[in-house]
Amino acid sequence: MTFEVTILGSNSALPAAGRHPTSQILNVHDQLYLIDCGEATQIQMNKYKVKRGGIDHIFISHLHGDHVLGLLPLINSFALNRRKRPMNIYGPKPIRRFIEHQLECTHSVMPYPIHFHEFDEGYSGAVMEDESLTVYSVPLDHRIPTLGYIFTEKEQAPHILPEEMRKHGILFDKVPAIKSGESVLNDKGEQVQAHQLTRPAAPPRSYAFMSDTRYNPALASRVEEVDLLYHEATFLHELIDRAEKTKHTTAREAGEFASAARVNKMIIGHFSTRYQNLTPLLEEAKNYFSETMLALEGRTFEVHQKDV
């Protein structure tokens, strides 16, 4: 089943060098989740053929413009397209006031409900749950309240083996009971264990999004062994003083963080506009964590479990 993230924007602060501010689409079992919504998110959706009508949940890390200024245009586009389904927006306070003030000032009337899920600074815990995912927040260390998010796939039911069902004389109306782990009776009245009729589903997968944060090794335990980590890497380490002043992370620090967290793979992004060539950032991070990739816009990364 699908579990993948597509990069819509990967730059910091300004659109420059052909890159756009932060935005990503996470596709889990063909349900789309938008993560951050910087300027030009809609343009990038059009370019990379994202079906925006499939989005019911939007996760905002913080209220700096390069992560949220594409949100009001997107909200209005949903209205123009006569959306009726509710939209859920998650983020730190004051995300509700930020959006509602803009809607009031522009005299915008939404034909669909918007449900805001606001969290206090430093909140750590579950923020959303549906049939596919549980989403947890991770408080990050930035200049304003900022949340990272961990998207954890729910454990799937075991897969039915039709040939074993037939072999043991089990009727298919007993599939729900078998999937729940119950033993069942065959056509001879014999008891058959569920594990004889199924194979285990693949282990749940996980994706962690950590943008705009000072390097904080203490957070490594929160994302330990996730299958795919996105971590900001705004600067090369030669600009460590600038990174500390602005509460951002260097590529070296991102690599060190991923290594400490023992993640499977890492994507780095949120690149400073001073870098047109991103190769030095990639190389610096890979010196400390070899399974590092660049958040290149339009690229889709599949989330895989770590090889055992």
C-alpha atoms as a PDB file:
ATOM      1  CA  MET A   1       0.000   0.000   0.000  1.00  0.00           C
ATOM      2  CA  THR A   2       1.145   3.519  -0.762  1.00  0.00           C
ATOM      3  CA  PHE A   3       3.260   5.454   1.741  1.00  0.00           C
ATOM      4  CA  GLU A   4       5.250   8.210   0.051  1.00  0.00           C
ATOM      5  CA  VAL A   5       6.121  11.891   0.323  1.00  0.00           C
ATOM      6  CA  THR A   6       6.378  14.346  -2.571  1.00  0.00           C
ATOM      7  CA  ILE A   7       8.393  17.528  -2.205  1.00  0.00           C
ATOM      8  CA  LEU A   8       6.561  20.639  -3.432  1.00  0.00           C
ATOM      9  CA  GLY A   9       8.898  23.224  -1.910  1.00  0.00           C
ATOM     10  CA  SER A  10      12.334  22.916  -0.321  1.00  0.00           C
ATOM     11  CA  ASN A  11      13.774  26.411   0.084  1.00  0.00           C
ATOM     12  CA  SER A  12      14.001  28.591   3.167  1.00  0.00           C
ATOM     13  CA  ALA A  13      12.673  32.131   3.515  1.00  0.00           C
ATOM     14  CA  LEU A  14      12.411  33.150  -0.145  1.00  0.00           C
ATOM     15  CA  PRO A  15      11.599  31.527  -3.479  1.00  0.00           C
ATOM     16  CA  ALA A  16      14.985  31.533  -5.202  1.00  0.00           C
ATOM     17  CA  ALA A  17      17.356  29.463  -7.321  1.00  0.00           C
ATOM     18  CA  GLY A  18      14.358  27.768  -8.913  1.00  0.00           C
ATOM     19  CA  ARG A  19      13.182  26.524  -5.510  1.00  0.00           C
ATOM     20  CA  HIS A  20      10.064  27.352  -3.509  1.00  0.00           C
ATOM     21  CA  PRO A  21       9.240  27.615   0.219  1.00  0.00           C
ATOM     22  CA  THR A  22       8.447  24.534   2.247  1.00  0.00           C
ATOM     23  CA  SER A  23       5.538  22.294   1.316  1.00  0.00           C
ATOM     24  CA  GLN A  24       5.080  18.532   1.038  1.00  0.00           C
ATOM     25  CA  ILE A  25       2.368  16.032   0.198  1.00  0.00           C
ATOM     26  CA  LEU A  26       2.258  12.786   2.136  1.00  0.00           C
ATOM     27  CA  ASN A  27       0.289   9.991   0.469  1.00  0.00           C
ATOM     28  CA  VAL A  28      -0.756   7.168   2.783  1.00  0.00           C
ATOM     29  CA  HIS A  29      -3.053   4.533   1.301  1.00  0.00           C
ATOM     30  CA  ASP A  30      -4.128   7.116  -1.315  1.00  0.00           C
ATOM     31  CA  GLN A  31      -5.200   9.629   1.330  1.00  0.00           C
ATOM     32  CA  LEU A  32      -3.324  12.931   0.922  1.00  0.00           C
ATOM     33  CA  TYR A  33      -1.957  15.005   3.806  1.00  0.00           C
ATOM     34  CA  LEU A  34      -0.438  18.460   3.225  1.00  0.00           C
ATOM     35  CA  ILE A  35       2.568  19.372   5.375  1.00  0.00           C
ATOM     36  CA  ASP A  36       3.275  23.115   5.487  1.00  0.00           C
ATOM     37  CA  CYS A  37       1.976  25.458   2.843  1.00  0.00           C
ATOM     38  CA  GLY A  38       4.506  28.043   1.733  1.00  0.00           C
ATOM     39  CA  GLU A  39       4.034  30.512  -1.081  1.00  0.00           C
ATOM     40  CA  ALA A  40       3.328  28.890  -4.486  1.00  0.00           C
ATOM     41  CA  THR A  41       2.123  25.605  -3.012  1.00  0.00           C
ATOM     42  CA  GLN A  42      -0.861  25.605  -5.381  1.00  0.00           C
ATOM     43  CA  ILE A  43       1.371  26.266  -8.379  1.00  0.00           C
ATOM     44  CA  GLN A  44       3.549  23.330  -7.366  1.00  0.00           C
ATOM     45  CA  MET A  45       0.480  21.151  -6.921  1.00  0.00           C
ATOM     46  CA  ASN A  46      -0.537  21.943 -10.488  1.00  0.00           C
ATOM     47  CA  LYS A  47       2.972  21.318 -11.772  1.00  0.00           C
ATOM     48  CA  TYR A  48       3.293  17.938 -10.108  1.00  0.00           C
ATOM     49  CA  LYS A  49      -0.340  16.905 -10.666  1.00  0.00           C
ATOM     50  CA  VAL A  50      -1.398  16.714  -7.039  1.00  0.00           C
ATOM     51  CA  LYS A  51      -5.142  16.183  -6.698  1.00  0.00           C
ATOM     52  CA  ARG A  52      -5.803  18.854  -4.097  1.00  0.00           C
ATOM     53  CA  GLY A  53      -9.411  17.705  -3.726  1.00  0.00           C
ATOM     54  CA  GLY A  54      -8.085  14.645  -1.910  1.00  0.00           C
ATOM     55  CA  ILE A  55      -6.666  16.725   0.944  1.00  0.00           C
ATOM     56  CA  ASP A  56      -8.661  16.759   4.190  1.00  0.00           C
ATOM     57  CA  HIS A  57      -5.816  17.394   6.654  1.00  0.00           C
ATOM     58  CA  ILE A  58      -3.199  20.180   6.639  1.00  0.00           C
ATOM     59  CA  PHE A  59      -0.322  20.230   9.130  1.00  0.00           C
ATOM     60  CA  ILE A  60       1.456  23.556   9.731  1.00  0.00           C
ATOM     61  CA  SER A  61       4.757  23.530  11.596  1.00  0.00           C
ATOM     62  CA  HIS A  62       4.811  27.224  12.509  1.00  0.00           C
ATOM     63  CA  LEU A  63       3.640  30.646  11.402  1.00  0.00           C
ATOM     64  CA  HIS A  64       6.717  31.994   9.639  1.00  0.00           C
ATOM     65  CA  GLY A  65       5.620  33.108   6.185  1.00  0.00           C
ATOM     66  CA  ASP A  66       7.645  30.596   4.194  1.00  0.00           C
ATOM     67  CA  HIS A  67       5.620  27.806   5.817  1.00  0.00           C
ATOM     68  CA  VAL A  68       2.114  29.246   5.853  1.00  0.00           C
ATOM     69  CA  LEU A  69       1.564  32.074   3.335  1.00  0.00           C
ATOM     70  CA  GLY A  70       0.177  29.684   0.727  1.00  0.00           C
ATOM     71  CA  LEU A  71      -2.577  28.535   3.069  1.00  0.00           C
ATOM     72  CA  LEU A  72      -5.184  31.273   2.597  1.00  0.00           C
ATOM     73  CA  PRO A  73      -5.064  31.055  -1.236  1.00  0.00           C
ATOM     74  CA  LEU A  74      -5.494  27.288  -0.978  1.00  0.00           C
ATOM     75  CA  ILE A  75      -8.437  27.662   1.391  1.00  0.00           C
ATOM     76  CA  ASN A  76     -10.078  30.086  -1.042  1.00  0.00           C
ATOM     77  CA  SER A  77      -9.445  27.779  -3.992  1.00  0.00           C
ATOM     78  CA  PHE A  78     -11.286  25.005  -2.194  1.00  0.00           C
ATOM     79  CA  ALA A  79     -14.205  27.416  -1.802  1.00  0.00           C
ATOM     80  CA  LEU A  80     -14.143  28.361  -5.492  1.00  0.00           C
ATOM     81  CA  ASN A  81     -14.219  24.662  -6.332  1.00  0.00           C
ATOM     82  CA  ARG A  82     -17.386  24.342  -4.196  1.00  0.00           C
ATOM     83  CA  ARG A  83     -15.862  22.121  -1.583  1.00  0.00           C
ATOM     84  CA  LYS A  84     -18.341  20.818   0.999  1.00  0.00           C
ATOM     85  CA  ARG A  85     -16.230  18.402   3.046  1.00  0.00           C
ATOM     86  CA  PRO A  86     -14.665  19.726   6.240  1.00  0.00           C
ATOM     87  CA  MET A  87     -11.012  20.725   6.218  1.00  0.00           C
ATOM     88  CA  ASN A  88      -8.837  20.034   9.252  1.00  0.00           C
ATOM     89  CA  ILE A  89      -5.913  22.348   9.981  1.00  0.00           C
ATOM     90  CA  TYR A  90      -3.358  21.471  12.666  1.00  0.00           C
ATOM     91  CA  GLY A  91      -0.689  23.719  14.104  1.00  0.00           C
ATOM     92  CA  PRO A  92       0.583  25.743  17.028  1.00  0.00           C
ATOM     93  CA  LYS A  93      -1.396  28.642  18.403  1.00  0.00           C
ATOM     94  CA  PRO A  94      -2.442  31.116  17.000  1.00  0.00           C
ATOM     95  CA  ILE A  95      -3.116  29.298  13.703  1.00  0.00           C
ATOM     96  CA  ARG A  96      -6.889  29.806  14.075  1.00  0.00           C
ATOM     97  CA  ARG A  97      -6.598  33.562  14.664  1.00  0.00           C
ATOM     98  CA  PHE A  98      -4.098  33.883  11.819  1.00  0.00           C
ATOM     99  CA  ILE A  99      -6.488  32.344   9.278  1.00  0.00           C
ATOM    100  CA  GLU A 100      -9.764  33.713  10.608  1.00  0.00           C
ATOM    101  CA  HIS A 101      -8.400  37.275  10.636  1.00  0.00           C
ATOM    102  CA  GLN A 102      -7.435  36.982   6.967  1.00  0.00           C
ATOM    103  CA  LEU A 103     -10.833  35.553   6.078  1.00  0.00           C
ATOM    104  CA  GLU A 104     -12.535  38.407   7.918  1.00  0.00           C
ATOM    105  CA  CYS A 105     -10.385  41.101   6.286  1.00  0.00           C
ATOM    106  CA  THR A 106     -11.004  39.704   2.804  1.00  0.00           C
ATOM    107  CA  HIS A 107     -14.731  39.181   3.457  1.00  0.00           C
ATOM    108  CA  SER A 108     -14.293  35.522   2.532  1.00  0.00           C
ATOM    109  CA  VAL A 109     -17.161  33.178   3.280  1.00  0.00           C
ATOM    110  CA  MET A 110     -16.286  29.488   3.233  1.00  0.00           C
ATOM    111  CA  PRO A 111     -18.933  27.058   1.932  1.00  0.00           C
ATOM    112  CA  TYR A 112     -17.280  24.268   3.919  1.00  0.00           C
ATOM    113  CA  PRO A 113     -16.362  23.992   7.605  1.00  0.00           C
ATOM    114  CA  ILE A 114     -12.764  24.470   8.744  1.00  0.00           C
ATOM    115  CA  HIS A 115     -11.839  22.643  11.927  1.00  0.00           C
ATOM    116  CA  PHE A 116      -8.781  24.052  13.669  1.00  0.00           C
ATOM    117  CA  HIS A 117      -6.681  21.877  15.961  1.00  0.00           C
ATOM    118  CA  GLU A 118      -4.421  24.242  17.900  1.00  0.00           C
ATOM    119  CA  PHE A 119      -1.671  23.209  20.277  1.00  0.00           C
ATOM    120  CA  ASP A 120       0.179  25.080  22.988  1.00  0.00           C
ATOM    121  CA  GLU A 121       3.883  25.756  22.674  1.00  0.00           C
ATOM    122  CA  GLY A 122       5.811  22.637  23.624  1.00  0.00           C
ATOM    123  CA  TYR A 123       2.897  20.274  23.085  1.00  0.00           C
ATOM    124  CA  SER A 124       3.973  16.676  22.643  1.00  0.00           C
ATOM    125  CA  GLY A 125       1.422  13.987  21.878  1.00  0.00           C
ATOM    126  CA  ALA A 126      -1.140  12.699  19.425  1.00  0.00           C
ATOM    127  CA  VAL A 127      -2.719  15.342  17.183  1.00  0.00           C
ATOM    128  CA  MET A 128      -4.693  13.226  14.708  1.00  0.00           C
ATOM    129  CA  GLU A 129      -5.856   9.690  14.126  1.00  0.00           C
ATOM    130  CA  ASP A 130      -7.740   8.127  11.232  1.00  0.00           C
ATOM    131  CA  GLU A 131      -8.062   4.669   9.730  1.00  0.00           C
ATOM    132  CA  SER A 132      -4.549   4.792   8.244  1.00  0.00           C
ATOM    133  CA  LEU A 133      -2.417   6.931  10.528  1.00  0.00           C
ATOM    134  CA  THR A 134      -1.700   8.261  13.951  1.00  0.00           C
ATOM    135  CA  VAL A 135       0.098  11.616  13.905  1.00  0.00           C
ATOM    136  CA  TYR A 136       2.183  12.828  16.838  1.00  0.00           C
ATOM    137  CA  SER A 137       3.727  16.230  17.460  1.00  0.00           C
ATOM    138  CA  VAL A 138       7.336  16.942  18.398  1.00  0.00           C
ATOM    139  CA  PRO A 139       8.091  20.394  19.879  1.00  0.00           C
ATOM    140  CA  LEU A 140      11.001  21.947  17.994  1.00  0.00           C
ATOM    141  CA  ASP A 141      13.410  24.678  19.068  1.00  0.00           C
ATOM    142  CA  HIS A 142      12.877  27.677  16.798  1.00  0.00           C
ATOM    143  CA  ARG A 143      12.273  31.408  17.208  1.00  0.00           C
ATOM    144  CA  ILE A 144       8.502  30.989  17.495  1.00  0.00           C
ATOM    145  CA  PRO A 145       6.362  28.016  18.593  1.00  0.00           C
ATOM    146  CA  THR A 146       7.112  25.217  16.134  1.00  0.00           C
ATOM    147  CA  LEU A 147       5.975  21.627  15.845  1.00  0.00           C
ATOM    148  CA  GLY A 148       7.430  18.684  14.033  1.00  0.00           C
ATOM    149  CA  TYR A 149       5.181  15.773  13.129  1.00  0.00           C
ATOM    150  CA  ILE A 150       5.578  11.992  13.151  1.00  0.00           C
ATOM    151  CA  PHE A 151       3.235  10.119  10.822  1.00  0.00           C
ATOM    152  CA  THR A 152       2.928   6.507  11.955  1.00  0.00           C
ATOM    153  CA  GLU A 153       1.078   3.968   9.869  1.00  0.00           C
ATOM    154  CA  LYS A 154      -1.408   1.834  11.744  1.00  0.00           C
ATOM    155  CA  GLU A 155      -0.755  -1.865  11.945  1.00  0.00           C
ATOM    156  CA  GLN A 156      -2.645  -3.631   9.199  1.00  0.00           C
ATOM    157  CA  ALA A 157      -4.694  -6.801   9.557  1.00  0.00           C
ATOM    158  CA  PRO A 158      -3.001 -10.022   8.404  1.00  0.00           C
ATOM    159  CA  HIS A 159      -3.474 -11.088   4.803  1.00  0.00           C
ATOM    160  CA  ILE A 160      -5.853 -13.929   4.100  1.00  0.00           C
ATOM    161  CA  LEU A 161      -4.389 -16.887   2.174  1.00  0.00           C
ATOM    162  CA  PRO A 162      -7.220 -18.105  -0.103  1.00  0.00           C
ATOM    163  CA  GLU A 163      -5.461 -21.371  -0.911  1.00  0.00           C
ATOM    164  CA  GLU A 164      -5.192 -22.192   2.803  1.00  0.00           C
ATOM    165  CA  MET A 165      -8.855 -21.292   3.298  1.00  0.00           C
ATOM    166  CA  ARG A 166      -9.831 -23.777   0.597  1.00  0.00           C
ATOM    167  CA  LYS A 167      -7.361 -26.390   1.822  1.00  0.00           C
ATOM    168  CA  HIS A 168      -8.833 -26.306   5.344  1.00  0.00           C
ATOM    169  CA  GLY A 169     -12.451 -26.084   4.181  1.00  0.00           C
ATOM    170  CA  ILE A 170     -13.108 -22.622   5.651  1.00  0.00           C
ATOM    171  CA  LEU A 171     -15.952 -20.488   4.318  1.00  0.00           C
ATOM    172  CA  PHE A 172     -15.029 -16.942   3.331  1.00  0.00           C
ATOM    173  CA  ASP A 173     -17.742 -15.439   5.533  1.00  0.00           C
ATOM    174  CA  LYS A 174     -15.357 -16.177   8.416  1.00  0.00           C
ATOM    175  CA  VAL A 175     -12.684 -13.793   7.091  1.00  0.00           C
ATOM    176  CA  PRO A 176     -13.474 -10.969   9.595  1.00  0.00           C
ATOM    177  CA  ALA A 177     -13.053 -13.336  12.526  1.00  0.00           C
ATOM    178  CA  ILE A 178      -9.830 -14.755  11.103  1.00  0.00           C
ATOM    179  CA  LYS A 179      -8.387 -11.271  10.537  1.00  0.00           C
ATOM    180  CA  SER A 180      -9.107 -10.437  14.168  1.00  0.00           C
ATOM    181  CA  GLY A 181      -7.065 -13.483  15.205  1.00  0.00           C
ATOM    182  CA  GLU A 182      -9.870 -15.855  16.140  1.00  0.00           C
ATOM    183  CA  SER A 183      -9.740 -19.580  15.482  1.00  0.00           C
ATOM    184  CA  VAL A 184     -12.621 -20.910  13.365  1.00  0.00           C
ATOM    185  CA  LEU A 185     -14.333 -24.209  12.600  1.00  0.00           C
ATOM    186  CA  ASN A 186     -14.038 -25.795   9.179  1.00  0.00           C
ATOM    187  CA  ASP A 187     -16.735 -27.760   7.349  1.00  0.00           C
ATOM    188  CA  LYS A 188     -15.776 -30.885   9.352  1.00  0.00           C
ATOM    189  CA  GLY A 189     -16.162 -29.137  12.694  1.00  0.00           C
ATOM    190  CA  GLU A 190     -12.409 -29.007  13.248  1.00  0.00           C
ATOM    191  CA  GLN A 191     -10.824 -25.944  14.802  1.00  0.00           C
ATOM    192  CA  VAL A 192      -8.285 -24.070  12.631  1.00  0.00           C
ATOM    193  CA  GLN A 193      -6.004 -21.364  14.026  1.00  0.00           C
ATOM    194  CA  ALA A 194      -5.989 -17.943  12.385  1.00  0.00           C
ATOM    195  CA  HIS A 195      -2.230 -18.015  11.804  1.00  0.00           C
ATOM    196  CA  GLN A 196      -2.687 -21.111   9.589  1.00  0.00           C
ATOM    197  CA  LEU A 197      -4.883 -19.089   7.226  1.00  0.00           C
ATOM    198  CA  THR A 198      -2.985 -15.798   7.071  1.00  0.00           C
ATOM    199  CA  ARG A 199       0.390 -14.214   6.604  1.00  0.00           C
ATOM    200  CA  PRO A 200       1.410 -11.186   8.660  1.00  0.00           C
ATOM    201  CA  ALA A 201       1.005  -7.734   7.161  1.00  0.00           C
ATOM    202  CA  ALA A 202       4.131  -5.675   6.590  1.00  0.00           C
ATOM    203  CA  PRO A 203       5.317  -3.773   9.677  1.00  0.00           C
ATOM    204  CA  PRO A 204       3.932  -0.242  10.033  1.00  0.00           C
ATOM    205  CA  ARG A 205       5.976   2.530   8.428  1.00  0.00           C
ATOM    206  CA  SER A 206       6.777   5.979   9.790  1.00  0.00           C
ATOM    207  CA  TYR A 207       7.740   9.416   8.487  1.00  0.00           C
ATOM    208  CA  ALA A 208       9.026  12.279  10.643  1.00  0.00           C
ATOM    209  CA  PHE A 209       8.937  15.920   9.518  1.00  0.00           C
ATOM    210  CA  MET A 210      11.315  18.239  11.379  1.00  0.00           C
ATOM    211  CA  SER A 211      11.725  21.657   9.833  1.00  0.00           C
ATOM    212  CA  ASP A 212      13.007  24.928  11.303  1.00  0.00           C
ATOM    213  CA  THR A 213      14.759  23.930  14.475  1.00  0.00           C
ATOM    214  CA  ARG A 214      18.000  24.477  16.260  1.00  0.00           C
ATOM    215  CA  TYR A 215      20.106  21.336  16.433  1.00  0.00           C
ATOM    216  CA  ASN A 216      18.794  19.475  19.458  1.00  0.00           C
ATOM    217  CA  PRO A 217      20.216  15.980  20.076  1.00  0.00           C
ATOM    218  CA  ALA A 218      17.691  15.470  22.887  1.00  0.00           C
ATOM    219  CA  LEU A 219      14.958  15.124  20.267  1.00  0.00           C
ATOM    220  CA  ALA A 220      16.642  12.131  18.626  1.00  0.00           C
ATOM    221  CA  SER A 221      14.851   9.716  20.927  1.00  0.00           C
ATOM    222  CA  ARG A 222      11.481  11.086  19.747  1.00  0.00           C
ATOM    223  CA  VAL A 223      12.089   9.990  16.161  1.00  0.00           C
ATOM    224  CA  GLU A 224      14.247   6.983  16.917  1.00  0.00           C
ATOM    225  CA  GLU A 225      14.291   4.409  14.109  1.00  0.00           C
ATOM    226  CA  VAL A 226      11.669   6.098  11.939  1.00  0.00           C
ATOM    227  CA  ASP A 227      11.802   4.817   8.398  1.00  0.00           C
ATOM    228  CA  LEU A 228      12.189   8.232   6.764  1.00  0.00           C
ATOM    229  CA  LEU A 229      13.196  11.517   8.406  1.00  0.00           C
ATOM    230  CA  TYR A 230      12.928  14.962   6.863  1.00  0.00           C
ATOM    231  CA  HIS A 231      15.245  17.357   8.674  1.00  0.00           C
ATOM    232  CA  GLU A 232      16.118  20.909   7.841  1.00  0.00           C
ATOM    233  CA  ALA A 233      19.713  21.630   6.803  1.00  0.00           C
ATOM    234  CA  THR A 234      19.653  25.346   6.102  1.00  0.00           C
ATOM    235  CA  PHE A 235      23.404  26.010   6.166  1.00  0.00           C
ATOM    236  CA  LEU A 236      26.781  24.391   5.722  1.00  0.00           C
ATOM    237  CA  HIS A 237      28.572  23.925   9.039  1.00  0.00           C
ATOM    238  CA  GLU A 238      30.964  26.752   8.270  1.00  0.00           C
ATOM    239  CA  LEU A 239      27.993  29.015   9.075  1.00  0.00           C
ATOM    240  CA  ILE A 240      27.307  27.396  12.449  1.00  0.00           C
ATOM    241  CA  ASP A 241      27.220  30.822  14.127  1.00  0.00           C
ATOM    242  CA  ARG A 242      24.499  31.943  11.738  1.00  0.00           C
ATOM    243  CA  ALA A 243      22.587  28.709  12.320  1.00  0.00           C
ATOM    244  CA  GLU A 244      22.687  29.131  16.086  1.00  0.00           C
ATOM    245  CA  LYS A 245      21.639  32.783  15.880  1.00  0.00           C
ATOM    246  CA  THR A 246      18.628  32.018  13.672  1.00  0.00           C
ATOM    247  CA  LYS A 247      17.848  28.686  15.363  1.00  0.00           C
ATOM    248  CA  HIS A 248      18.433  26.583  12.303  1.00  0.00           C
ATOM    249  CA  THR A 249      20.482  23.451  11.647  1.00  0.00           C
ATOM    250  CA  THR A 250      23.555  22.805   9.518  1.00  0.00           C
ATOM    251  CA  ALA A 251      23.884  19.866   7.146  1.00  0.00           C
ATOM    252  CA  ARG A 252      26.506  18.305   9.412  1.00  0.00           C
ATOM    253  CA  GLU A 253      24.199  18.610  12.423  1.00  0.00           C
ATOM    254  CA  ALA A 254      21.329  17.051  10.474  1.00  0.00           C
ATOM    255  CA  GLY A 255      23.586  14.092   9.661  1.00  0.00           C
ATOM    256  CA  GLU A 256      24.649  13.752  13.271  1.00  0.00           C
ATOM    257  CA  PHE A 257      21.026  13.890  14.379  1.00  0.00           C
ATOM    258  CA  ALA A 258      19.914  11.176  11.932  1.00  0.00           C
ATOM    259  CA  SER A 259      22.797   8.963  13.012  1.00  0.00           C
ATOM    260  CA  ALA A 260      21.949   9.400  16.704  1.00  0.00           C
ATOM    261  CA  ALA A 261      18.276   8.642  16.000  1.00  0.00           C
ATOM    262  CA  ARG A 262      19.219   5.529  13.990  1.00  0.00           C
ATOM    263  CA  VAL A 263      16.682   6.346  11.287  1.00  0.00           C
ATOM    264  CA  ASN A 264      16.549   4.373   8.076  1.00  0.00           C
ATOM    265  CA  LYS A 265      16.916   7.242   5.605  1.00  0.00           C
ATOM    266  CA  MET A 266      16.918  11.033   5.734  1.00  0.00           C
ATOM    267  CA  ILE A 267      15.891  13.851   3.405  1.00  0.00           C
ATOM    268  CA  ILE A 268      17.431  17.266   4.006  1.00  0.00           C
ATOM    269  CA  GLY A 269      15.793  20.506   2.919  1.00  0.00           C
ATOM    270  CA  HIS A 270      14.957  24.125   3.838  1.00  0.00           C
ATOM    271  CA  PHE A 271      18.019  25.298   1.944  1.00  0.00           C
ATOM    272  CA  SER A 272      19.344  28.833   2.313  1.00  0.00           C
ATOM    273  CA  THR A 273      19.001  30.940  -0.816  1.00  0.00           C
ATOM    274  CA  ARG A 274      22.767  31.458  -0.776  1.00  0.00           C
ATOM    275  CA  TYR A 275      23.208  27.914  -2.145  1.00  0.00           C
ATOM    276  CA  GLN A 276      22.422  27.416  -5.801  1.00  0.00           C
ATOM    277  CA  ASN A 277      24.430  24.187  -5.866  1.00  0.00           C
ATOM    278  CA  LEU A 278      23.131  21.824  -3.174  1.00  0.00           C
ATOM    279  CA  THR A 279      25.824  19.169  -3.573  1.00  0.00           C
ATOM    280  CA  PRO A 280      28.042  20.522  -0.757  1.00  0.00           C
ATOM    281  CA  LEU A 281      25.108  20.329   1.667  1.00  0.00           C
ATOM    282  CA  LEU A 282      24.422  16.742   0.632  1.00  0.00           C
ATOM    283  CA  GLU A 283      28.063  15.729   0.922  1.00  0.00           C
ATOM    284  CA  GLU A 284      28.434  17.317   4.348  1.00  0.00           C
ATOM    285  CA  ALA A 285      25.381  15.513   5.708  1.00  0.00           C
ATOM    286  CA  LYS A 286      26.438  12.191   4.140  1.00  0.00           C
ATOM    287  CA  ASN A 287      29.758  12.392   5.970  1.00  0.00           C
ATOM    288  CA  TYR A 288      27.760  11.781   9.153  1.00  0.00           C
ATOM    289  CA  PHE A 289      24.783   9.832   7.814  1.00  0.00           C
ATOM    290  CA  SER A 290      25.311   8.056   4.519  1.00  0.00           C
ATOM    291  CA  GLU A 291      21.614   7.444   3.744  1.00  0.00           C
ATOM    292  CA  THR A 292      20.907  11.127   3.095  1.00  0.00           C
ATOM    293  CA  MET A 293      19.012  12.525   0.102  1.00  0.00           C
ATOM    294  CA  LEU A 294      18.171  16.025  -1.105  1.00  0.00           C
ATOM    295  CA  ALA A 295      14.608  17.347  -0.985  1.00  0.00           C
ATOM    296  CA  LEU A 296      14.458  18.070  -4.696  1.00  0.00           C
ATOM    297  CA  GLU A 297      11.151  19.549  -5.765  1.00  0.00           C
ATOM    298  CA  GLY A 298       8.917  17.157  -7.651  1.00  0.00           C
ATOM    299  CA  ARG A 299      10.717  14.124  -6.292  1.00  0.00           C
ATOM    300  CA  THR A 300       8.666  11.441  -4.553  1.00  0.00           C
ATOM    301  CA  PHE A 301      10.260   9.347  -1.829  1.00  0.00           C
ATOM    302  CA  GLU A 302       8.742   6.000  -0.914  1.00  0.00           C
ATOM    303  CA  VAL A 303       8.823   5.124   2.761  1.00  0.00           C
ATOM    304  CA  HIS A 304      10.312   1.674   3.330  1.00  0.00           C
ATOM    305  CA  GLN A 305      11.014  -0.284   6.479  1.00  0.00           C
ATOM    306  CA  LYS A 306      14.608  -0.705   7.487  1.00  0.00           C
ATOM    307  CA  ASP A 307      16.166  -3.883   6.177  1.00  0.00           C
ATOM    308  CA  VAL A 308      16.526  -6.463   8.925  1.00  0.00           C
END
